[in-house]
N, C-alpha and C. Protein backbone atom coordinates (compact mmCIF):
# COMPACT_ATOMS: atom_id res chain seq x y z
N MET A 1 -18.14 14.26 9.86
CA MET A 1 -17.79 13.95 8.34
C MET A 1 -16.61 12.95 8.75
N SER A 2 -16.08 12.39 7.85
CA SER A 2 -15.04 11.16 7.35
C SER A 2 -13.60 11.82 7.42
N VAL A 3 -12.64 11.28 7.76
CA VAL A 3 -11.05 11.66 7.64
C VAL A 3 -11.14 12.02 6.52
N LEU A 4 -11.14 10.85 5.99
CA LEU A 4 -10.77 11.12 4.22
C LEU A 4 -11.22 12.34 3.84
N SER A 5 -12.84 12.55 4.16
CA SER A 5 -13.00 14.10 3.73
C SER A 5 -12.72 15.33 4.07
N ALA A 6 -11.59 15.12 4.74
CA ALA A 6 -11.40 16.25 5.72
C ALA A 6 -9.88 16.67 5.13
N LEU A 7 -9.37 15.66 4.04
CA LEU A 7 -7.83 15.81 4.00
C LEU A 7 -7.61 15.81 2.70
N PRO A 8 -7.43 17.46 2.29
CA PRO A 8 -7.52 17.74 1.03
C PRO A 8 -6.63 17.32 -0.08
N PHE A 9 -5.50 16.74 0.38
CA PHE A 9 -4.33 16.21 -0.25
C PHE A 9 -4.76 14.60 -0.84
N LEU A 10 -6.17 14.30 -0.25
CA LEU A 10 -6.37 12.90 -0.66
C LEU A 10 -7.47 13.49 -1.89
N LYS A 11 -8.00 14.20 -1.86
CA LYS A 11 -8.99 14.43 -2.95
C LYS A 11 -8.48 14.56 -4.16
N PRO A 12 -9.56 14.22 -5.54
CA PRO A 12 -8.88 14.16 -6.81
C PRO A 12 -7.91 15.56 -7.25
N VAL A 13 -6.82 15.08 -7.70
CA VAL A 13 -5.97 16.34 -7.86
C VAL A 13 -5.87 16.34 -10.16
N HIS A 14 -6.11 17.33 -10.37
CA HIS A 14 -6.45 17.58 -12.28
C HIS A 14 -4.55 17.73 -12.35
N LEU A 15 -4.19 17.11 -12.94
CA LEU A 15 -2.89 17.60 -13.24
C LEU A 15 -2.81 17.79 -14.71
N ARG A 16 -3.29 17.94 -15.46
CA ARG A 16 -3.63 17.99 -16.77
C ARG A 16 -5.12 18.31 -17.38
N SER A 17 -5.48 19.78 -18.06
CA SER A 17 -6.78 19.81 -19.20
C SER A 17 -6.69 19.72 -20.19
N PRO A 18 -7.98 19.02 -20.38
CA PRO A 18 -8.56 18.66 -21.78
C PRO A 18 -8.47 19.79 -22.36
N ARG A 19 -7.72 19.70 -23.96
CA ARG A 19 -8.25 21.17 -24.96
C ARG A 19 -9.24 21.52 -24.83
N GLY A 20 -9.72 22.79 -25.25
CA GLY A 20 -11.02 23.51 -25.35
C GLY A 20 -12.13 23.39 -24.34
N SER A 21 -11.53 22.71 -22.80
CA SER A 21 -12.21 22.92 -21.76
C SER A 21 -12.18 23.92 -20.89
N PRO A 22 -13.25 24.43 -20.75
CA PRO A 22 -13.50 25.62 -20.07
C PRO A 22 -12.90 25.88 -18.70
N GLY A 23 -12.06 26.10 -18.17
CA GLY A 23 -11.81 26.32 -16.91
C GLY A 23 -11.29 25.47 -16.35
N GLY A 24 -11.03 24.61 -17.34
CA GLY A 24 -9.69 23.15 -16.83
C GLY A 24 -10.80 22.34 -16.66
N GLN A 25 -11.89 22.19 -16.57
CA GLN A 25 -12.84 21.03 -16.03
C GLN A 25 -13.30 19.92 -16.90
N ARG A 26 -13.11 18.55 -16.50
CA ARG A 26 -13.58 17.68 -17.25
C ARG A 26 -15.02 17.48 -16.62
N ARG A 27 -15.48 16.51 -17.95
CA ARG A 27 -17.05 16.28 -17.58
C ARG A 27 -16.93 14.97 -18.20
N HIS A 28 -17.54 13.91 -17.24
CA HIS A 28 -18.24 12.83 -17.62
C HIS A 28 -16.79 12.02 -18.10
N THR A 29 -15.79 12.51 -16.97
CA THR A 29 -14.51 11.29 -17.54
C THR A 29 -13.93 11.25 -16.07
N LEU A 30 -12.85 10.46 -16.14
CA LEU A 30 -12.16 10.09 -14.95
C LEU A 30 -10.80 11.17 -14.21
N PRO A 31 -11.15 11.60 -13.44
CA PRO A 31 -10.24 12.56 -12.97
C PRO A 31 -8.75 12.15 -13.48
N ALA A 32 -7.92 12.93 -14.05
CA ALA A 32 -6.98 12.82 -14.43
C ALA A 32 -5.80 12.38 -13.77
N SER A 33 -5.73 12.73 -12.24
CA SER A 33 -4.98 12.06 -11.17
C SER A 33 -5.66 12.44 -9.84
N GLU A 34 -5.72 11.11 -9.41
CA GLU A 34 -6.31 10.85 -7.89
C GLU A 34 -5.71 9.95 -7.08
N PHE A 35 -5.42 10.30 -5.59
CA PHE A 35 -5.04 9.86 -4.49
C PHE A 35 -6.55 9.38 -3.35
N ARG A 36 -6.15 8.12 -3.23
CA ARG A 36 -7.38 7.88 -2.46
C ARG A 36 -6.83 6.45 -1.88
N CYS A 37 -7.57 6.35 -0.27
CA CYS A 37 -7.30 4.72 0.46
C CYS A 37 -7.40 3.75 -0.64
N LEU A 38 -6.84 2.28 -0.33
CA LEU A 38 -7.38 1.58 -1.39
C LEU A 38 -8.09 0.54 -0.56
N SER A 39 -9.32 -0.17 -1.46
CA SER A 39 -10.15 -1.19 -1.06
C SER A 39 -9.72 -2.66 -1.61
N PRO A 40 -10.57 -3.36 -0.96
CA PRO A 40 -10.05 -5.10 -1.14
C PRO A 40 -10.31 -5.14 -2.74
N GLU A 41 -11.13 -4.52 -3.06
CA GLU A 41 -11.25 -4.50 -5.02
C GLU A 41 -10.16 -4.20 -5.41
N ASP A 42 -9.17 -3.45 -5.04
CA ASP A 42 -7.86 -3.16 -5.39
C ASP A 42 -6.90 -4.07 -5.76
N ALA A 43 -6.94 -5.16 -4.74
CA ALA A 43 -6.03 -6.13 -4.19
C ALA A 43 -5.10 -6.63 -5.62
N VAL A 44 -6.13 -7.09 -6.79
CA VAL A 44 -5.61 -7.36 -7.96
C VAL A 44 -4.28 -6.40 -8.86
N SER A 45 -4.89 -5.24 -8.85
CA SER A 45 -4.16 -4.59 -9.32
C SER A 45 -3.07 -4.28 -8.62
N VAL A 46 -3.25 -4.21 -7.29
CA VAL A 46 -1.70 -3.87 -6.18
C VAL A 46 -0.76 -4.82 -6.58
N PHE A 47 -1.50 -6.16 -6.76
CA PHE A 47 -0.61 -7.73 -6.62
C PHE A 47 0.00 -7.58 -7.86
N GLU A 48 -0.69 -7.30 -9.24
CA GLU A 48 -0.09 -7.26 -10.25
C GLU A 48 1.14 -6.25 -10.47
N ILE A 49 1.47 -4.88 -9.78
CA ILE A 49 2.09 -3.88 -9.85
C ILE A 49 3.31 -4.55 -8.62
N GLU A 50 2.88 -5.04 -7.86
CA GLU A 50 4.26 -5.55 -6.56
C GLU A 50 4.99 -6.25 -7.37
N ARG A 51 4.25 -7.30 -7.80
CA ARG A 51 4.81 -9.07 -8.75
C ARG A 51 5.73 -8.08 -9.19
N GLU A 52 5.51 -7.52 -10.38
CA GLU A 52 6.94 -7.18 -11.15
C GLU A 52 7.43 -6.69 -10.84
N ALA A 53 7.36 -5.48 -9.78
CA ALA A 53 8.28 -4.74 -9.39
C ALA A 53 9.60 -5.48 -8.70
N PHE A 54 8.76 -6.34 -7.82
CA PHE A 54 9.75 -7.25 -6.69
C PHE A 54 10.18 -8.13 -7.12
N ILE A 55 9.42 -9.03 -8.34
CA ILE A 55 9.97 -10.38 -8.62
C ILE A 55 11.50 -10.46 -8.89
N SER A 56 11.26 -9.77 -10.16
CA SER A 56 12.55 -9.01 -10.90
C SER A 56 14.30 -9.17 -9.85
N VAL A 57 13.94 -8.18 -8.79
CA VAL A 57 14.54 -7.58 -8.42
C VAL A 57 15.40 -8.55 -7.09
N SER A 58 14.06 -9.26 -6.70
CA SER A 58 14.47 -10.03 -5.09
C SER A 58 14.31 -11.79 -5.13
N GLY A 59 13.38 -11.65 -6.33
CA GLY A 59 12.33 -13.20 -6.00
C GLY A 59 11.33 -13.47 -5.71
N ASP A 60 11.10 -12.23 -4.82
CA ASP A 60 9.96 -12.64 -3.82
C ASP A 60 9.14 -11.23 -3.79
N CYS A 61 7.90 -11.32 -3.11
CA CYS A 61 7.26 -10.11 -2.74
C CYS A 61 6.63 -9.92 -1.10
N PRO A 62 7.15 -8.69 -1.11
CA PRO A 62 6.92 -8.25 0.54
C PRO A 62 5.27 -8.53 0.79
N LEU A 63 4.34 -8.57 -0.05
CA LEU A 63 3.10 -9.26 0.34
C LEU A 63 2.62 -10.02 -0.93
N HIS A 64 1.94 -11.38 -0.58
CA HIS A 64 1.35 -11.69 -1.27
C HIS A 64 -0.19 -11.34 -1.67
N LEU A 65 -0.96 -12.06 -2.81
CA LEU A 65 -2.38 -11.85 -3.12
C LEU A 65 -3.09 -11.34 -1.26
N ASP A 66 -3.11 -12.51 -0.73
CA ASP A 66 -4.15 -12.90 0.33
C ASP A 66 -3.43 -12.27 1.58
N GLU A 67 -2.63 -11.48 1.64
CA GLU A 67 -1.88 -10.95 2.69
C GLU A 67 -2.53 -9.36 2.31
N ILE A 68 -2.56 -8.85 0.86
CA ILE A 68 -2.60 -7.73 0.57
C ILE A 68 -4.18 -7.68 0.77
N ARG A 69 -4.76 -8.39 0.56
CA ARG A 69 -6.42 -8.68 0.82
C ARG A 69 -6.59 -8.33 2.24
N HIS A 70 -5.75 -9.52 3.30
CA HIS A 70 -5.93 -8.81 4.49
C HIS A 70 -5.69 -7.39 5.12
N PHE A 71 -4.47 -7.26 4.78
CA PHE A 71 -4.15 -5.40 5.47
C PHE A 71 -5.63 -4.51 4.64
N LEU A 72 -5.87 -4.77 3.34
CA LEU A 72 -7.04 -3.99 2.62
C LEU A 72 -8.21 -4.14 3.67
N ASN A 73 -8.65 -5.18 4.31
CA ASN A 73 -9.74 -5.41 4.64
C ASN A 73 -9.37 -4.76 6.07
N LEU A 74 -8.64 -5.17 6.69
CA LEU A 74 -8.31 -4.43 8.28
C LEU A 74 -8.03 -2.88 8.54
N CYS A 75 -6.86 -2.62 7.56
CA CYS A 75 -6.99 -1.03 8.09
C CYS A 75 -6.69 -0.63 6.53
N PRO A 76 -7.48 -0.35 5.76
CA PRO A 76 -7.50 0.34 4.63
C PRO A 76 -6.93 1.85 4.66
N GLU A 77 -7.68 2.31 5.78
CA GLU A 77 -7.08 3.62 5.95
C GLU A 77 -5.67 3.99 5.91
N LEU A 78 -4.68 2.75 5.89
CA LEU A 78 -3.38 3.08 6.59
C LEU A 78 -2.67 2.62 4.43
N SER A 79 -3.58 2.38 3.73
CA SER A 79 -3.08 2.32 2.15
C SER A 79 -3.20 3.75 1.58
N LEU A 80 -2.56 3.71 0.43
CA LEU A 80 -3.08 4.99 -0.32
C LEU A 80 -2.01 4.79 -1.68
N GLY A 81 -3.11 4.79 -2.62
CA GLY A 81 -3.29 4.79 -4.05
C GLY A 81 -3.22 5.58 -4.83
N TRP A 82 -2.33 5.92 -6.03
CA TRP A 82 -2.40 6.88 -7.04
C TRP A 82 -2.78 6.23 -8.36
N PHE A 83 -3.69 6.91 -8.86
CA PHE A 83 -4.43 6.54 -9.99
C PHE A 83 -4.42 7.29 -11.02
N GLU A 84 -4.24 7.29 -12.24
CA GLU A 84 -4.24 8.06 -13.38
C GLU A 84 -5.42 7.83 -14.55
N GLU A 85 -6.29 8.51 -14.58
CA GLU A 85 -7.45 7.93 -15.70
C GLU A 85 -8.30 6.44 -14.95
N GLY A 86 -8.11 6.52 -13.90
CA GLY A 86 -8.82 5.78 -13.25
C GLY A 86 -7.92 4.20 -13.13
N ARG A 87 -6.68 4.26 -13.59
CA ARG A 87 -5.68 3.23 -13.58
C ARG A 87 -4.56 3.31 -12.27
N LEU A 88 -4.35 2.14 -11.33
CA LEU A 88 -3.77 2.50 -10.41
C LEU A 88 -2.25 2.36 -10.82
N VAL A 89 -1.33 3.32 -10.48
CA VAL A 89 -0.03 3.40 -11.04
C VAL A 89 1.11 3.36 -9.88
N ALA A 90 0.64 3.51 -8.94
CA ALA A 90 1.70 3.59 -7.73
C ALA A 90 0.51 3.34 -6.43
N PHE A 91 1.37 2.74 -5.25
CA PHE A 91 0.74 2.34 -3.95
C PHE A 91 1.66 2.15 -2.69
N ILE A 92 1.00 2.43 -1.91
CA ILE A 92 1.77 2.18 -0.76
C ILE A 92 0.55 1.33 0.30
N ILE A 93 1.11 0.24 1.16
CA ILE A 93 0.07 -0.38 2.08
C ILE A 93 0.96 -0.25 3.00
N GLY A 94 0.25 0.11 4.53
CA GLY A 94 0.51 -0.21 5.97
C GLY A 94 -0.31 -0.72 6.65
N SER A 95 0.28 -0.87 7.90
CA SER A 95 -0.68 -1.13 8.83
C SER A 95 0.12 -0.94 10.34
N LEU A 96 -0.59 -0.83 11.58
CA LEU A 96 -0.02 -0.54 12.89
C LEU A 96 0.78 -1.60 13.67
N TRP A 97 1.89 -1.09 14.19
CA TRP A 97 2.84 -2.05 15.07
C TRP A 97 2.80 -1.22 16.38
N ASP A 98 2.96 -2.14 17.54
CA ASP A 98 2.99 -1.61 18.63
C ASP A 98 4.35 -1.50 19.62
N GLN A 99 5.42 -1.80 18.70
CA GLN A 99 6.79 -2.06 19.39
C GLN A 99 7.40 -0.85 19.18
N GLU A 100 9.07 -1.16 19.72
CA GLU A 100 9.85 0.15 19.31
C GLU A 100 10.70 -0.50 17.77
N ARG A 101 11.08 -1.89 17.65
CA ARG A 101 11.41 -1.70 16.62
C ARG A 101 10.52 -3.15 16.06
N LEU A 102 10.68 -3.47 14.67
CA LEU A 102 9.70 -4.30 14.10
C LEU A 102 10.74 -5.41 14.31
N ARG A 103 9.13 -6.70 14.08
CA ARG A 103 9.76 -7.91 15.03
C ARG A 103 9.08 -8.72 13.62
N GLN A 104 9.53 -10.00 13.33
CA GLN A 104 8.90 -10.63 12.20
C GLN A 104 7.57 -11.04 12.47
N GLU A 105 6.72 -11.12 13.01
CA GLU A 105 5.24 -11.22 12.91
C GLU A 105 4.83 -9.86 12.68
N ALA A 106 5.67 -8.67 12.59
CA ALA A 106 4.76 -7.32 11.97
C ALA A 106 4.65 -7.61 10.32
N LEU A 107 5.41 -8.77 10.04
CA LEU A 107 5.08 -9.05 8.44
C LEU A 107 3.53 -9.24 8.27
N THR A 108 3.18 -9.99 9.51
CA THR A 108 1.27 -10.43 8.92
C THR A 108 0.42 -9.56 9.69
N LEU A 109 0.66 -9.00 10.86
CA LEU A 109 -0.07 -8.83 12.04
C LEU A 109 -0.50 -6.67 12.00
N HIS A 110 -1.47 -6.65 12.10
CA HIS A 110 -1.97 -4.92 12.45
C HIS A 110 -2.64 -5.09 13.64
N LYS A 111 -1.77 -4.21 14.32
CA LYS A 111 -2.31 -4.11 16.01
C LYS A 111 -2.86 -2.89 15.84
N PRO A 112 -4.06 -3.07 16.60
CA PRO A 112 -4.99 -1.85 16.36
C PRO A 112 -4.45 -0.34 17.54
N GLN A 113 -4.16 -1.02 18.45
CA GLN A 113 -3.46 0.11 19.54
C GLN A 113 -1.91 0.27 19.51
N GLY A 114 -1.51 0.17 18.13
CA GLY A 114 -0.38 0.70 17.63
C GLY A 114 0.18 2.45 17.49
N THR A 115 0.95 2.85 17.85
CA THR A 115 0.81 4.02 17.21
C THR A 115 2.27 4.27 16.19
N ALA A 116 2.86 3.29 15.76
CA ALA A 116 4.09 3.25 14.54
C ALA A 116 3.49 2.39 13.23
N VAL A 117 2.76 3.27 12.53
CA VAL A 117 2.66 2.57 11.14
C VAL A 117 3.89 1.88 10.41
N HIS A 118 3.65 0.44 10.43
CA HIS A 118 4.48 -0.43 9.51
C HIS A 118 4.40 -0.16 8.11
N ILE A 119 5.03 0.39 7.28
CA ILE A 119 4.80 0.78 5.59
C ILE A 119 5.88 -0.84 5.19
N HIS A 120 4.79 -1.53 4.64
CA HIS A 120 4.80 -2.38 4.14
C HIS A 120 5.25 -3.07 2.59
N VAL A 121 4.94 -1.71 1.84
CA VAL A 121 5.35 -2.15 0.48
C VAL A 121 5.21 -0.39 -0.47
N LEU A 122 6.00 0.24 -0.79
CA LEU A 122 5.73 1.02 -2.01
C LEU A 122 6.30 0.47 -3.29
N ALA A 123 5.32 0.65 -4.41
CA ALA A 123 5.38 0.18 -5.47
C ALA A 123 4.99 1.03 -6.65
N VAL A 124 5.81 1.07 -7.63
CA VAL A 124 5.46 1.81 -8.64
C VAL A 124 5.19 1.03 -10.35
N HIS A 125 4.25 1.47 -11.08
CA HIS A 125 3.90 0.68 -11.81
C HIS A 125 5.14 0.79 -13.06
N ARG A 126 5.54 -0.28 -13.68
CA ARG A 126 6.77 -0.18 -14.52
C ARG A 126 6.58 1.04 -15.67
N THR A 127 5.52 1.31 -16.21
CA THR A 127 5.41 2.58 -17.42
C THR A 127 5.41 3.60 -16.64
N VAL A 128 5.14 3.87 -15.44
CA VAL A 128 5.81 5.51 -14.92
C VAL A 128 6.72 5.48 -13.86
N ARG A 129 7.73 4.60 -13.84
CA ARG A 129 8.89 4.56 -13.23
C ARG A 129 10.05 5.63 -13.70
N GLN A 130 10.82 5.77 -12.87
CA GLN A 130 11.69 7.19 -13.19
C GLN A 130 11.03 8.42 -13.49
N GLN A 131 9.95 8.55 -12.92
CA GLN A 131 9.30 10.08 -13.34
C GLN A 131 8.93 10.69 -11.60
N GLY A 132 9.55 10.32 -10.51
CA GLY A 132 9.66 10.83 -9.28
C GLY A 132 8.53 10.39 -8.16
N LYS A 133 7.38 9.52 -9.39
CA LYS A 133 6.05 9.25 -8.66
C LYS A 133 6.37 8.63 -6.97
N GLY A 134 7.11 7.88 -6.97
CA GLY A 134 7.82 7.14 -6.09
C GLY A 134 7.83 8.35 -4.52
N SER A 135 8.44 9.18 -4.95
CA SER A 135 8.62 10.41 -4.14
C SER A 135 7.54 10.93 -3.80
N ILE A 136 6.86 11.22 -4.69
CA ILE A 136 5.46 12.28 -4.46
C ILE A 136 4.50 11.31 -3.53
N LEU A 137 4.32 9.96 -3.91
CA LEU A 137 3.58 9.38 -3.65
C LEU A 137 3.82 9.30 -1.70
N MET A 138 5.17 9.34 -1.18
CA MET A 138 5.51 8.64 0.11
C MET A 138 5.26 9.92 0.89
N TRP A 139 5.45 11.08 -0.08
CA TRP A 139 5.50 12.52 0.64
C TRP A 139 3.96 12.80 1.03
N ARG A 140 2.96 12.68 0.17
CA ARG A 140 1.47 12.79 0.34
C ARG A 140 1.07 11.47 1.57
N TYR A 141 1.69 10.21 1.39
CA TYR A 141 1.30 9.38 2.44
C TYR A 141 1.98 10.24 4.42
N LEU A 142 2.95 10.51 4.03
CA LEU A 142 3.47 10.88 5.51
C LEU A 142 2.43 12.27 6.11
N GLN A 143 2.27 13.05 4.94
CA GLN A 143 1.59 14.24 5.30
C GLN A 143 -0.16 13.88 5.80
N TYR A 144 -0.35 12.31 4.73
CA TYR A 144 -1.62 11.96 5.44
C TYR A 144 -1.48 11.44 6.97
N LEU A 145 -0.38 10.40 7.39
CA LEU A 145 -0.24 9.86 8.48
C LEU A 145 -0.31 10.95 9.52
N ARG A 146 0.11 12.24 9.26
CA ARG A 146 0.03 13.33 10.13
C ARG A 146 -1.38 13.41 10.77
N CYS A 147 -2.21 13.66 10.12
CA CYS A 147 -3.38 13.89 10.47
C CYS A 147 -4.31 12.52 10.60
N LEU A 148 -3.78 11.70 11.22
CA LEU A 148 -4.35 10.53 11.83
C LEU A 148 -3.83 10.39 13.54
N PRO A 149 -4.62 10.44 14.09
CA PRO A 149 -4.40 10.59 15.53
C PRO A 149 -3.57 9.11 16.16
N CYS A 150 -3.80 8.18 15.23
CA CYS A 150 -3.25 7.03 15.80
C CYS A 150 -1.83 7.27 15.81
N ALA A 151 -1.24 7.95 14.45
CA ALA A 151 0.18 7.41 14.15
C ALA A 151 0.96 8.46 14.74
N ARG A 152 2.09 7.95 15.37
CA ARG A 152 3.45 8.72 15.75
C ARG A 152 4.30 8.43 14.91
N ARG A 153 4.67 7.76 14.32
CA ARG A 153 6.15 7.79 13.28
C ARG A 153 5.53 6.31 12.50
N ALA A 154 6.25 6.27 11.64
CA ALA A 154 6.02 5.15 10.35
C ALA A 154 7.73 4.78 10.43
N LEU A 155 7.53 3.23 10.08
CA LEU A 155 8.57 2.23 10.02
C LEU A 155 8.62 1.68 8.92
N LEU A 156 9.90 1.42 8.62
CA LEU A 156 9.97 0.42 7.35
C LEU A 156 11.37 -0.30 7.53
N MET A 157 11.52 -1.28 6.45
CA MET A 157 12.37 -2.09 6.52
C MET A 157 12.63 -2.61 4.78
N CYS A 158 14.21 -2.16 4.37
CA CYS A 158 14.53 -2.27 3.12
C CYS A 158 15.96 -2.61 2.91
N GLU A 159 16.18 -3.14 1.70
CA GLU A 159 17.68 -3.62 1.26
C GLU A 159 18.46 -2.02 1.08
N ASP A 160 19.87 -2.71 1.12
CA ASP A 160 20.85 -1.08 1.34
C ASP A 160 20.67 -0.28 0.14
N PHE A 161 20.27 -0.99 -0.75
CA PHE A 161 20.08 0.26 -2.41
C PHE A 161 18.92 0.95 -1.85
N LEU A 162 18.15 0.63 -1.35
CA LEU A 162 17.06 1.52 -1.28
C LEU A 162 17.35 2.74 0.03
N VAL A 163 17.95 2.77 0.87
CA VAL A 163 18.61 2.95 2.04
C VAL A 163 18.23 5.15 1.45
N PRO A 164 19.47 5.15 -0.04
CA PRO A 164 19.33 6.95 -0.16
C PRO A 164 18.11 7.15 -0.62
N PHE A 165 17.22 6.26 -1.13
CA PHE A 165 15.91 6.91 -1.70
C PHE A 165 15.20 7.54 -0.06
N TYR A 166 14.88 6.53 0.67
CA TYR A 166 14.22 6.86 2.04
C TYR A 166 14.63 8.01 2.55
N LEU A 167 16.47 7.94 2.74
CA LEU A 167 16.76 9.52 3.57
C LEU A 167 16.49 10.36 2.82
N LYS A 168 16.29 10.40 1.39
CA LYS A 168 15.61 11.36 0.82
C LYS A 168 14.37 12.02 1.25
N CYS A 169 13.53 10.90 1.37
CA CYS A 169 12.29 11.01 1.55
C CYS A 169 11.92 11.21 3.30
N GLY A 170 12.95 11.83 3.87
CA GLY A 170 13.23 12.26 5.51
C GLY A 170 13.13 10.96 6.76
N PHE A 171 13.50 9.83 6.19
CA PHE A 171 13.73 8.86 7.05
C PHE A 171 14.99 8.59 7.69
N GLU A 172 15.12 8.11 8.75
CA GLU A 172 16.60 8.13 9.18
C GLU A 172 16.45 6.47 10.02
N ALA A 173 17.66 6.03 9.15
CA ALA A 173 18.28 4.82 9.50
C ALA A 173 18.54 4.62 10.97
N LEU A 174 17.95 3.51 11.59
CA LEU A 174 17.84 2.76 13.05
C LEU A 174 19.14 1.93 12.49
N GLY A 175 19.55 0.94 12.04
CA GLY A 175 20.60 -0.03 12.10
C GLY A 175 19.88 -1.24 11.49
N PRO A 176 20.58 -2.33 11.25
CA PRO A 176 19.98 -3.37 10.73
C PRO A 176 18.95 -3.87 11.20
N CYS A 177 17.78 -4.72 10.67
CA CYS A 177 16.27 -4.61 11.17
C CYS A 177 16.41 -6.44 11.13
N GLU A 178 16.04 -6.65 12.74
CA GLU A 178 15.86 -8.14 12.96
C GLU A 178 15.19 -9.10 12.42
N VAL A 179 14.46 -8.47 10.95
CA VAL A 179 13.01 -8.84 10.14
C VAL A 179 14.48 -9.76 9.27
N THR A 180 14.03 -11.06 8.78
CA THR A 180 14.70 -11.64 7.68
C THR A 180 13.77 -12.03 6.14
N ALA A 181 13.67 -12.19 5.83
CA ALA A 181 12.72 -12.67 4.56
C ALA A 181 13.76 -13.33 3.23
N GLY A 182 12.96 -14.79 2.75
CA GLY A 182 14.23 -15.12 1.70
C GLY A 182 15.24 -15.05 1.97
N GLY A 183 16.02 -15.19 3.12
CA GLY A 183 17.59 -14.74 3.16
C GLY A 183 18.01 -13.29 3.33
N LEU A 184 17.27 -12.50 2.98
CA LEU A 184 17.89 -11.09 2.59
C LEU A 184 17.88 -10.49 3.91
N ALA A 185 18.84 -9.49 3.98
CA ALA A 185 18.98 -8.54 5.27
C ALA A 185 18.51 -7.08 4.90
N PHE A 186 17.76 -6.59 5.63
CA PHE A 186 17.20 -5.48 6.04
C PHE A 186 17.79 -4.35 6.89
N VAL A 187 17.49 -3.04 6.34
CA VAL A 187 18.15 -1.96 7.12
C VAL A 187 16.41 -1.71 7.86
N GLU A 188 16.65 -1.16 8.62
CA GLU A 188 15.03 -0.79 9.62
C GLU A 188 15.25 0.95 9.24
N MET A 189 14.19 1.40 8.93
CA MET A 189 14.04 2.99 8.94
C MET A 189 12.96 3.90 9.52
N GLN A 190 13.13 5.04 9.91
CA GLN A 190 11.65 5.63 10.83
C GLN A 190 11.89 6.85 10.16
N HIS A 191 10.46 7.29 10.58
CA HIS A 191 10.24 8.75 9.85
C HIS A 191 9.06 9.36 11.25
N TRP A 192 9.38 9.97 12.00
CA TRP A 192 8.28 10.76 12.89
C TRP A 192 7.69 11.58 12.28
N VAL A 193 6.55 11.36 12.94
CA VAL A 193 5.08 11.71 12.52
C VAL A 193 4.52 12.69 13.46
N ARG A 194 4.05 14.27 12.92
CA ARG A 194 3.62 15.01 14.28
C ARG A 194 2.39 14.37 14.63
N GLY A 195 2.08 14.85 15.80
CA GLY A 195 0.78 14.85 16.41
C GLY A 195 -0.27 15.45 15.95
N HIS A 196 -1.50 14.56 16.04
CA HIS A 196 -2.59 15.28 15.41
C HIS A 196 -3.34 16.83 15.64
N ALA A 197 -3.20 16.98 17.00
CA ALA A 197 -3.53 18.22 17.57
C ALA A 197 -2.82 19.40 16.76
N PHE A 198 -1.46 19.29 17.00
CA PHE A 198 -0.55 20.27 16.37
C PHE A 198 -1.20 20.77 14.43
N MET A 199 -1.11 19.40 13.96
CA MET A 199 -1.43 19.47 12.52
C MET A 199 -2.91 20.32 12.08
N ARG A 200 -3.74 19.92 13.30
CA ARG A 200 -5.17 20.74 13.35
C ARG A 200 -4.57 22.18 13.04
N ARG A 201 -3.79 22.80 14.18
CA ARG A 201 -3.92 24.21 14.10
C ARG A 201 -2.90 24.39 13.02
N ASN A 202 -2.12 23.83 12.30
CA ASN A 202 -1.01 24.35 11.41
C ASN A 202 -1.48 24.40 9.87
N SER A 203 -2.18 23.25 9.64
CA SER A 203 -2.49 22.60 8.03
C SER A 203 -3.65 22.40 7.61
N GLY A 204 -4.83 22.52 8.45
CA GLY A 204 -6.07 22.71 8.31
C GLY A 204 -6.57 21.34 8.31
N CYS A 205 -6.38 20.44 8.73
CA CYS A 205 -6.29 18.68 9.02
C CYS A 205 -7.78 18.71 9.44
């Protein structure tokens, strides 16, 4: 059995039922809402959402298209996309890191022996913002990480105005991040992830 097939929170979740459909079942249609890991084929859709979300705010993107493809080829299992009617509406992309704190090279490297998941980017499509989707997706992503044997904690860097959002998601601030990008300064944040064996006993992973 694959890791993904063993994780109930990554299986399609039907959020609404069509009228007149017995038992709320849809036939011959895409699921109303689905969470799954991304593939390189999703890269263009990912970049379109990310570009619109970040360029208007900071003038640049955390990941460019070739970097998105890079990570989705190397470690697609550390990504998560939210699809509605088959259309990507929100996503997270991560990679593994093997040091206590993030360094400049963490922006482009995936360290397969690492135990920290570096969350590069979380973005939501402009048409569905202000609906709580970012928080929901982050919660699902952290639940998913708890079932991966390699993951011990999640790390990310963000600008000051995003710190309250990530605090509400359960992250703690570690202080200024040594990584800079485009002249911007960031706060580094951390979320501890429980061990694989514990979660198998307690959540059916």
